[in-house]
Structure formats: C-alpha cells, structure tokens
C-alpha atoms as a PDB file:
ATOM      1  CA  ALA A   1     -48.811  97.875   4.729  1.00  0.00           C
ATOM      2  CA  TRP A   2     -47.037 100.043   7.276  1.00  0.00           C
ATOM      3  CA  PRO A   3     -46.763  99.546  10.132  1.00  0.00           C
ATOM      4  CA  PRO A   4     -46.673  95.751  10.011  1.00  0.00           C
ATOM      5  CA  THR A   5     -48.275  93.744  12.824  1.00  0.00           C
ATOM      6  CA  CYS A   6     -45.053  91.842  13.508  1.00  0.00           C
ATOM      7  CA  LEU A   7     -41.467  92.436  12.390  1.00  0.00           C
ATOM      8  CA  ASN A   8     -38.408  90.286  13.093  1.00  0.00           C
ATOM      9  CA  LEU A   9     -34.871  91.565  12.596  1.00  0.00           C
ATOM     10  CA  ASN A  10     -32.695  88.454  12.385  1.00  0.00           C
ATOM     11  CA  ASP A  11     -29.214  87.996  13.858  1.00  0.00           C
ATOM     12  CA  ASP A  12     -26.652  90.248  12.124  1.00  0.00           C
ATOM     13  CA  GLY A  13     -29.486  91.927  10.223  1.00  0.00           C
ATOM     14  CA  GLN A  14     -30.091  95.619   9.531  1.00  0.00           C
ATOM     15  CA  LEU A  15     -33.337  97.550   9.146  1.00  0.00           C
ATOM     16  CA  THR A  16     -33.596 101.165   7.980  1.00  0.00           C
ATOM     17  CA  VAL A  17     -36.865 102.989   8.690  1.00  0.00           C
ATOM     18  CA  LYS A  18     -37.481 106.348   7.013  1.00  0.00           C
ATOM     19  CA  THR A  19     -40.302 107.421   9.321  1.00  0.00           C
ATOM     20  CA  ASN A  20     -41.226 107.287  13.021  1.00  0.00           C
ATOM     21  CA  PHE A  21     -41.030 103.851  14.621  1.00  0.00           C
ATOM     22  CA  ASN A  22     -43.298 102.833  17.526  1.00  0.00           C
ATOM     23  CA  ILE A  23     -42.017  99.461  18.643  1.00  0.00           C
ATOM     24  CA  PRO A  24     -45.076  98.196  20.603  1.00  0.00           C
ATOM     25  CA  ILE A  25     -47.382  98.930  17.673  1.00  0.00           C
ATOM     26  CA  VAL A  26     -45.092  97.263  15.164  1.00  0.00           C
ATOM     27  CA  GLY A  27     -44.411  94.246  17.395  1.00  0.00           C
ATOM     28  CA  PHE A  28     -40.691  94.466  16.735  1.00  0.00           C
ATOM     29  CA  ASN A  29     -38.297  91.613  17.575  1.00  0.00           C
ATOM     30  CA  TYR A  30     -34.713  92.848  17.787  1.00  0.00           C
ATOM     31  CA  ASN A  31     -32.173  89.980  17.611  1.00  0.00           C
ATOM     32  CA  SER A  32     -28.438  89.669  18.351  1.00  0.00           C
ATOM     33  CA  ASN A  33     -25.839  91.771  16.497  1.00  0.00           C
ATOM     34  CA  SER A  34     -28.567  93.564  14.539  1.00  0.00           C
ATOM     35  CA  THR A  35     -28.862  97.251  13.672  1.00  0.00           C
ATOM     36  CA  LEU A  36     -32.003  99.392  13.673  1.00  0.00           C
ATOM     37  CA  ALA A  37     -31.569 102.716  11.860  1.00  0.00           C
ATOM     38  CA  VAL A  38     -34.542 105.086  12.168  1.00  0.00           C
ATOM     39  CA  GLU A  39     -34.689 108.471  10.454  1.00  0.00           C
ATOM     40  CA  GLY A  40     -37.665 109.589  12.559  1.00  0.00           C
ATOM     41  CA  THR A  41     -38.492 109.180  16.251  1.00  0.00           C
ATOM     42  CA  VAL A  42     -38.201 105.887  18.102  1.00  0.00           C
ATOM     43  CA  SER A  43     -40.812 105.305  20.807  1.00  0.00           C
ATOM     44  CA  GLY A  44     -41.651 102.392  23.071  1.00  0.00           C
ATOM     45  CA  LEU A  45     -38.076 101.106  23.388  1.00  0.00           C
ATOM     46  CA  SER A  46     -37.283 101.148  27.100  1.00  0.00           C
ATOM     47  CA  GLU A  47     -34.177  98.942  26.842  1.00  0.00           C
ATOM     48  CA  LEU A  48     -31.597  98.463  24.116  1.00  0.00           C
ATOM     49  CA  GLU A  49     -30.290  94.975  24.769  1.00  0.00           C
ATOM     50  CA  ALA A  50     -26.625  93.923  24.587  1.00  0.00           C
ATOM     51  CA  THR A  51     -25.171  93.396  21.070  1.00  0.00           C
ATOM     52  CA  ARG A  52     -27.996  95.479  19.506  1.00  0.00           C
ATOM     53  CA  ARG A  53     -27.249  98.769  17.730  1.00  0.00           C
ATOM     54  CA  LEU A  54     -29.647 101.716  17.460  1.00  0.00           C
ATOM     55  CA  GLU A  55     -29.146 104.720  15.161  1.00  0.00           C
ATOM     56  CA  THR A  56     -31.724 107.498  15.458  1.00  0.00           C
ATOM     57  CA  PRO A  57     -31.856 111.294  15.915  1.00  0.00           C
ATOM     58  CA  SER A  58     -34.815 111.131  18.320  1.00  0.00           C
ATOM     59  CA  ILE A  59     -35.950 108.870  21.166  1.00  0.00           C
ATOM     60  CA  LEU A  60     -39.209 109.407  23.013  1.00  0.00           C
ATOM     61  CA  ASP A  61     -39.326 108.238  26.657  1.00  0.00           C
ATOM     62  CA  ASP A  62     -36.639 106.805  28.951  1.00  0.00           C
ATOM     63  CA  ILE A  63     -34.142 104.308  27.561  1.00  0.00           C
ATOM     64  CA  GLU A  64     -31.517 102.045  29.128  1.00  0.00           C
ATOM     65  CA  VAL A  65     -28.640 101.165  26.804  1.00  0.00           C
ATOM     66  CA  HIS A  66     -26.830  97.822  27.042  1.00  0.00           C
ATOM     67  CA  GLY A  67     -25.896  97.719  23.359  1.00  0.00           C
ATOM     68  CA  ILE A  68     -24.675 100.571  21.136  1.00  0.00           C
ATOM     69  CA  PHE A  69     -26.599 103.818  20.774  1.00  0.00           C
ATOM     70  CA  ALA A  70     -25.393 106.048  17.909  1.00  0.00           C
ATOM     71  CA  PRO A  71     -27.358 109.327  17.820  1.00  0.00           C
ATOM     72  CA  GLY A  72     -28.540 110.115  14.291  1.00  0.00           C
ATOM     73  CA  ASN A  73     -28.321 107.935  11.196  1.00  0.00           C
ATOM     74  CA  SER A  74     -25.188 109.899  10.497  1.00  0.00           C
ATOM     75  CA  LEU A  75     -24.082 113.254  11.900  1.00  0.00           C
ATOM     76  CA  ALA A  76     -26.988 114.895  13.710  1.00  0.00           C
ATOM     77  CA  ASP A  77     -28.228 117.176  16.474  1.00  0.00           C
ATOM     78  CA  SER A  78     -30.158 114.501  18.362  1.00  0.00           C
ATOM     79  CA  ILE A  79     -32.452 114.314  21.378  1.00  0.00           C
ATOM     80  CA  VAL A  80     -33.626 111.838  23.998  1.00  0.00           C
ATOM     81  CA  GLU A  81     -36.924 113.141  25.357  1.00  0.00           C
ATOM     82  CA  GLY A  82     -36.625 111.365  28.682  1.00  0.00           C
ATOM     83  CA  GLY A  83     -33.895 109.799  30.768  1.00  0.00           C
ATOM     84  CA  LEU A  84     -30.835 108.075  29.310  1.00  0.00           C
ATOM     85  CA  THR A  85     -28.956 105.280  31.091  1.00  0.00           C
ATOM     86  CA  ILE A  86     -25.693 104.003  29.644  1.00  0.00           C
ATOM     87  CA  ALA A  87     -25.279 100.702  31.505  1.00  0.00           C
ATOM     88  CA  THR A  88     -21.998  98.984  32.320  1.00  0.00           C
ATOM     89  CA  ASP A  89     -22.219  97.010  29.071  1.00  0.00           C
ATOM     90  CA  GLY A  90     -23.562  99.949  27.057  1.00  0.00           C
ATOM     91  CA  THR A  91     -21.838 102.221  24.533  1.00  0.00           C
ATOM     92  CA  LEU A  92     -22.693 105.730  23.371  1.00  0.00           C
ATOM     93  CA  GLU A  93     -21.093 106.388  19.982  1.00  0.00           C
ATOM     94  CA  MET A  94     -20.496 109.982  18.835  1.00  0.00           C
ATOM     95  CA  GLU A  95     -19.094 110.904  15.408  1.00  0.00           C
ATOM     96  CA  LEU A  96     -16.744 113.800  14.650  1.00  0.00           C
ATOM     97  CA  GLY A  97     -16.097 114.912  11.088  1.00  0.00           C
ATOM     98  CA  GLY A  98     -15.665 118.697  11.371  1.00  0.00           C
ATOM     99  CA  TYR A  99     -16.536 121.719  13.512  1.00  0.00           C
ATOM    100  CA  ALA A 100     -20.167 122.455  12.586  1.00  0.00           C
ATOM    101  CA  LEU A 101     -22.588 121.149  15.225  1.00  0.00           C
ATOM    102  CA  GLY A 102     -25.211 118.768  13.877  1.00  0.00           C
ATOM    103  CA  THR A 103     -23.858 118.611  10.337  1.00  0.00           C
ATOM    104  CA  GLU A 104     -20.171 117.820  10.904  1.00  0.00           C
ATOM    105  CA  TYR A 105     -20.281 116.356  14.403  1.00  0.00           C
ATOM    106  CA  ASP A 106     -22.891 114.785  16.665  1.00  0.00           C
ATOM    107  CA  ARG A 107     -24.567 116.538  19.582  1.00  0.00           C
ATOM    108  CA  LEU A 108     -27.028 114.873  21.955  1.00  0.00           C
ATOM    109  CA  THR A 109     -29.602 116.589  24.182  1.00  0.00           C
ATOM    110  CA  VAL A 110     -31.085 114.562  27.043  1.00  0.00           C
ATOM    111  CA  THR A 111     -34.135 116.148  28.690  1.00  0.00           C
ATOM    112  CA  GLY A 112     -34.226 113.724  31.639  1.00  0.00           C
ATOM    113  CA  LEU A 113     -31.527 112.446  33.957  1.00  0.00           C
ATOM    114  CA  SER A 114     -28.440 110.976  32.278  1.00  0.00           C
ATOM    115  CA  THR A 115     -27.110 108.027  34.291  1.00  0.00           C
ATOM    116  CA  LEU A 116     -23.660 107.250  32.961  1.00  0.00           C
ATOM    117  CA  ASP A 117     -21.410 104.191  33.043  1.00  0.00           C
ATOM    118  CA  GLY A 118     -20.172 102.067  30.166  1.00  0.00           C
ATOM    119  CA  ILE A 119     -18.293 103.525  27.214  1.00  0.00           C
ATOM    120  CA  LEU A 120     -18.247 106.824  25.320  1.00  0.00           C
ATOM    121  CA  ASP A 121     -16.825 105.953  21.890  1.00  0.00           C
ATOM    122  CA  LEU A 122     -15.657 108.902  19.760  1.00  0.00           C
ATOM    123  CA  VAL A 123     -15.271 108.125  16.065  1.00  0.00           C
ATOM    124  CA  PHE A 124     -13.491 110.303  13.473  1.00  0.00           C
ATOM    125  CA  LEU A 125     -15.023 110.405   9.986  1.00  0.00           C
ATOM    126  CA  ASP A 126     -13.285 110.804   6.629  1.00  0.00           C
ATOM    127  CA  GLY A 127      -9.794 111.368   8.023  1.00  0.00           C
ATOM    128  CA  PHE A 128     -10.838 114.284  10.235  1.00  0.00           C
ATOM    129  CA  SER A 129      -8.268 115.454  12.803  1.00  0.00           C
ATOM    130  CA  PRO A 130      -9.115 118.447  15.027  1.00  0.00           C
ATOM    131  CA  ALA A 131      -6.707 121.337  15.514  1.00  0.00           C
ATOM    132  CA  ASN A 132      -5.328 122.695  18.767  1.00  0.00           C
ATOM    133  CA  GLU A 133      -7.668 124.755  20.971  1.00  0.00           C
ATOM    134  CA  THR A 134     -10.847 123.559  19.286  1.00  0.00           C
ATOM    135  CA  SER A 135     -13.889 122.257  21.143  1.00  0.00           C
ATOM    136  CA  PHE A 136     -17.029 120.218  20.506  1.00  0.00           C
ATOM    137  CA  ASP A 137     -20.382 120.810  22.197  1.00  0.00           C
ATOM    138  CA  LEU A 138     -21.235 117.112  22.384  1.00  0.00           C
ATOM    139  CA  PHE A 139     -23.915 117.064  25.079  1.00  0.00           C
ATOM    140  CA  ASN A 140     -26.740 119.160  26.463  1.00  0.00           C
ATOM    141  CA  TRP A 141     -27.454 117.590  29.859  1.00  0.00           C
ATOM    142  CA  GLU A 142     -30.837 119.267  30.435  1.00  0.00           C
ATOM    143  CA  GLY A 143     -31.905 116.793  33.134  1.00  0.00           C
ATOM    144  CA  GLY A 144     -28.538 116.603  34.901  1.00  0.00           C
ATOM    145  CA  VAL A 145     -25.896 113.885  35.139  1.00  0.00           C
ATOM    146  CA  ASP A 146     -25.395 111.011  37.571  1.00  0.00           C
ATOM    147  CA  GLY A 147     -22.059 109.195  37.327  1.00  0.00           C
ATOM    148  CA  GLU A 148     -19.395 109.209  34.622  1.00  0.00           C
ATOM    149  CA  PHE A 149     -18.409 107.020  31.691  1.00  0.00           C
ATOM    150  CA  ALA A 150     -16.274 104.090  32.828  1.00  0.00           C
ATOM    151  CA  ASP A 151     -14.178 104.469  29.684  1.00  0.00           C
ATOM    152  CA  ILE A 152     -13.827 107.141  27.003  1.00  0.00           C
ATOM    153  CA  LYS A 153     -12.421 105.811  23.728  1.00  0.00           C
ATOM    154  CA  THR A 154     -10.861 108.705  21.849  1.00  0.00           C
ATOM    155  CA  PRO A 155      -9.035 108.659  18.503  1.00  0.00           C
ATOM    156  CA  LEU A 156      -5.361 109.594  18.513  1.00  0.00           C
ATOM    157  CA  LEU A 157      -4.697 113.266  17.881  1.00  0.00           C
ATOM    158  CA  SER A 158      -1.979 114.628  15.602  1.00  0.00           C
ATOM    159  CA  GLY A 159       1.127 116.316  16.974  1.00  0.00           C
ATOM    160  CA  GLU A 160       1.520 117.047  20.692  1.00  0.00           C
ATOM    161  CA  LEU A 161      -2.215 117.305  21.401  1.00  0.00           C
ATOM    162  CA  GLU A 162      -4.573 115.606  23.856  1.00  0.00           C
ATOM    163  CA  TRP A 163      -8.258 115.591  24.800  1.00  0.00           C
ATOM    164  CA  ASP A 164      -9.573 117.714  27.675  1.00  0.00           C
ATOM    165  CA  THR A 165     -12.634 116.117  29.298  1.00  0.00           C
ATOM    166  CA  SER A 166     -12.779 118.435  32.328  1.00  0.00           C
ATOM    167  CA  GLU A 167     -16.080 120.027  31.206  1.00  0.00           C
ATOM    168  CA  LEU A 168     -17.692 116.947  29.671  1.00  0.00           C
ATOM    169  CA  TYR A 169     -20.082 116.309  32.581  1.00  0.00           C
ATOM    170  CA  SER A 170     -20.927 119.961  33.233  1.00  0.00           C
ATOM    171  CA  THR A 171     -21.233 121.827  29.941  1.00  0.00           C
ATOM    172  CA  GLY A 172     -20.999 118.736  27.719  1.00  0.00           C
ATOM    173  CA  THR A 173     -17.904 120.131  26.007  1.00  0.00           C
ATOM    174  CA  LEU A 174     -14.878 118.193  24.814  1.00  0.00           C
ATOM    175  CA  SER A 175     -11.769 120.176  23.873  1.00  0.00           C
ATOM    176  CA  VAL A 176      -8.367 119.703  22.247  1.00  0.00           C
ATOM    177  CA  ILE A 177      -5.347 121.135  24.094  1.00  0.00           C
ATOM    178  CA  PRO A 178      -1.530 120.780  24.011  1.00  0.00           C
ATOM    179  CA  GLU A 179      -0.036 117.979  26.056  1.00  0.00           C
ATOM    180  CA  PRO A 180       1.221 119.150  29.505  1.00  0.00           C
ATOM    181  CA  ASN A 181       4.905 118.711  28.573  1.00  0.00           C
ATOM    182  CA  VAL A 182       4.403 120.997  25.572  1.00  0.00           C
ATOM    183  CA  ILE A 183       2.834 123.680  27.769  1.00  0.00           C
ATOM    184  CA  ALA A 184       5.736 123.347  30.211  1.00  0.00           C
ATOM    185  CA  LEU A 185       8.294 123.685  27.415  1.00  0.00           C
ATOM    186  CA  LEU A 186       6.535 126.778  26.119  1.00  0.00           C
ATOM    187  CA  GLY A 187       6.686 128.251  29.610  1.00  0.00           C
ATOM    188  CA  ILE A 188      10.405 127.487  29.911  1.00  0.00           C
ATOM    189  CA  PHE A 189      11.050 128.908  26.471  1.00  0.00           C
ATOM    190  CA  GLY A 190       9.095 132.048  27.288  1.00  0.00           C
ATOM    191  CA  GLY A 191      10.969 132.499  30.555  1.00  0.00           C
ATOM    192  CA  GLY A 192      14.316 131.989  28.880  1.00  0.00           C
ATOM    193  CA  LEU A 193      13.457 134.479  26.177  1.00  0.00           C
ATOM    194  CA  TRP A 194      12.611 137.061  28.879  1.00  0.00           C
ATOM    195  CA  VAL A 195      16.021 136.488  30.516  1.00  0.00           C
ATOM    196  CA  VAL A 196      17.815 136.923  27.204  1.00  0.00           C
ATOM    197  CA  ARG A 197      15.978 140.175  26.542  1.00  0.00           C
ATOM    198  CA  ARG A 198      16.603 141.340  30.123  1.00  0.00           C
ATOM    199  CA  TRP A 199      20.346 140.964  29.904  1.00  0.00           C
ATOM    200  CA  PHE A 200      20.763 141.463  26.176  1.00  0.00           C
ATOM    201  CA  PRO A 201      18.195 144.088  25.171  1.00  0.00           C
ATOM    202  CA  VAL A 202      17.363 144.519  21.518  1.00  0.00           C
ATOM    203  CA  ILE A 203      19.105 147.581  20.095  1.00  0.00           C
END
C-alpha cells in the first residue's frame, strides 16, 4: 500500500517516486550516499543532510541543503515554495542541455528567501556547448537573496568564451561572453581599421 508506514533508503541506494512524497507521513529514513528522486512535490523535508541527493521539481516549505539538490528529475522548471538555504557543505546542481527554459535547461523559482553559500554546480548534458552571447534564466529569486555561492563550478566553454555571472544574484541570469582579451583585440582591430580607412580611403 502507498504510502507505507515506514521506508528506509539504505546507504548508496536510490528511490524513485512517481507521485507526491510527504516525508513525515511515510516515515522516511534517508541514509548516506543515497538518492531520492520524486516526480511530484516533496513536503516535510526541512533539511537535506550531507551526502544525500534530492531530485524533484517541487519542494513545499523551507529547506536547508547540506547534500546535493538537483531541481527536477531531469531538465525542469522547478519551484521551492518557501525559503532555500544552500549551506557551506551544500550543492545546488543545475543542468544545461540547450536554450529552451524548462525543457533544455533547468530553472529554479524560490518564493522565500534564498540564503546562499556552498556550491553552484553547472552540468552540461549530451555534449552541449553554448554559443557566444547566449544567456540562461537559471533563477527566479522571488523572495530575495542573502549571500553568494562560495564556489561556482562551470564547464569549460569552447573557443575564447567565458561565463558572465554579474547578474546571477539579481535577475538570476547566467550569460556567455567573449574573454576580455578577445574584446580588447577586437577593439584594437577596429581602431586600426579606422586608421587605415582614414589615411587610405576606399576608392
């Protein structure tokens, strides 16, 4: 019968739930290095302990993350209906596999205050590599932001490109831009071309 009165997820185990999951009702015991993947809404989980992994598109209530929180079971437009704390030993994992929000890359809305520390881990899927001057609307910080991620793990980009995180904590946007030396070279090239045209006009 569902829900069970008591459920133990052993060390290194994995449980996939295809409905909503209310942890106090189920009496869930979440052990080390285990993964809980829920296709519905998770409720009653106030703390995700270290070495635990949670995959879900929806969390009800406040949650403090010491393990790994991966919004969605795969790519998803996810929500935390409450506050989100990424602790010093916590990781927020976001997947990027294309440019379509919610179906090709993750986006997370947090309705309460987001208290940030720990790690933001960006993961490319299926060989994806974003082009220059593209952006990803990763976060909707509805309840505001306190702090910043202590570390942002980003995949290497192709060519002379780098990540721009300047709007990550305001609009929730992460962008791809040319490296500064490339911009400088373009400026020098443009200036030199102007000089050539100034002294040697095209006839």
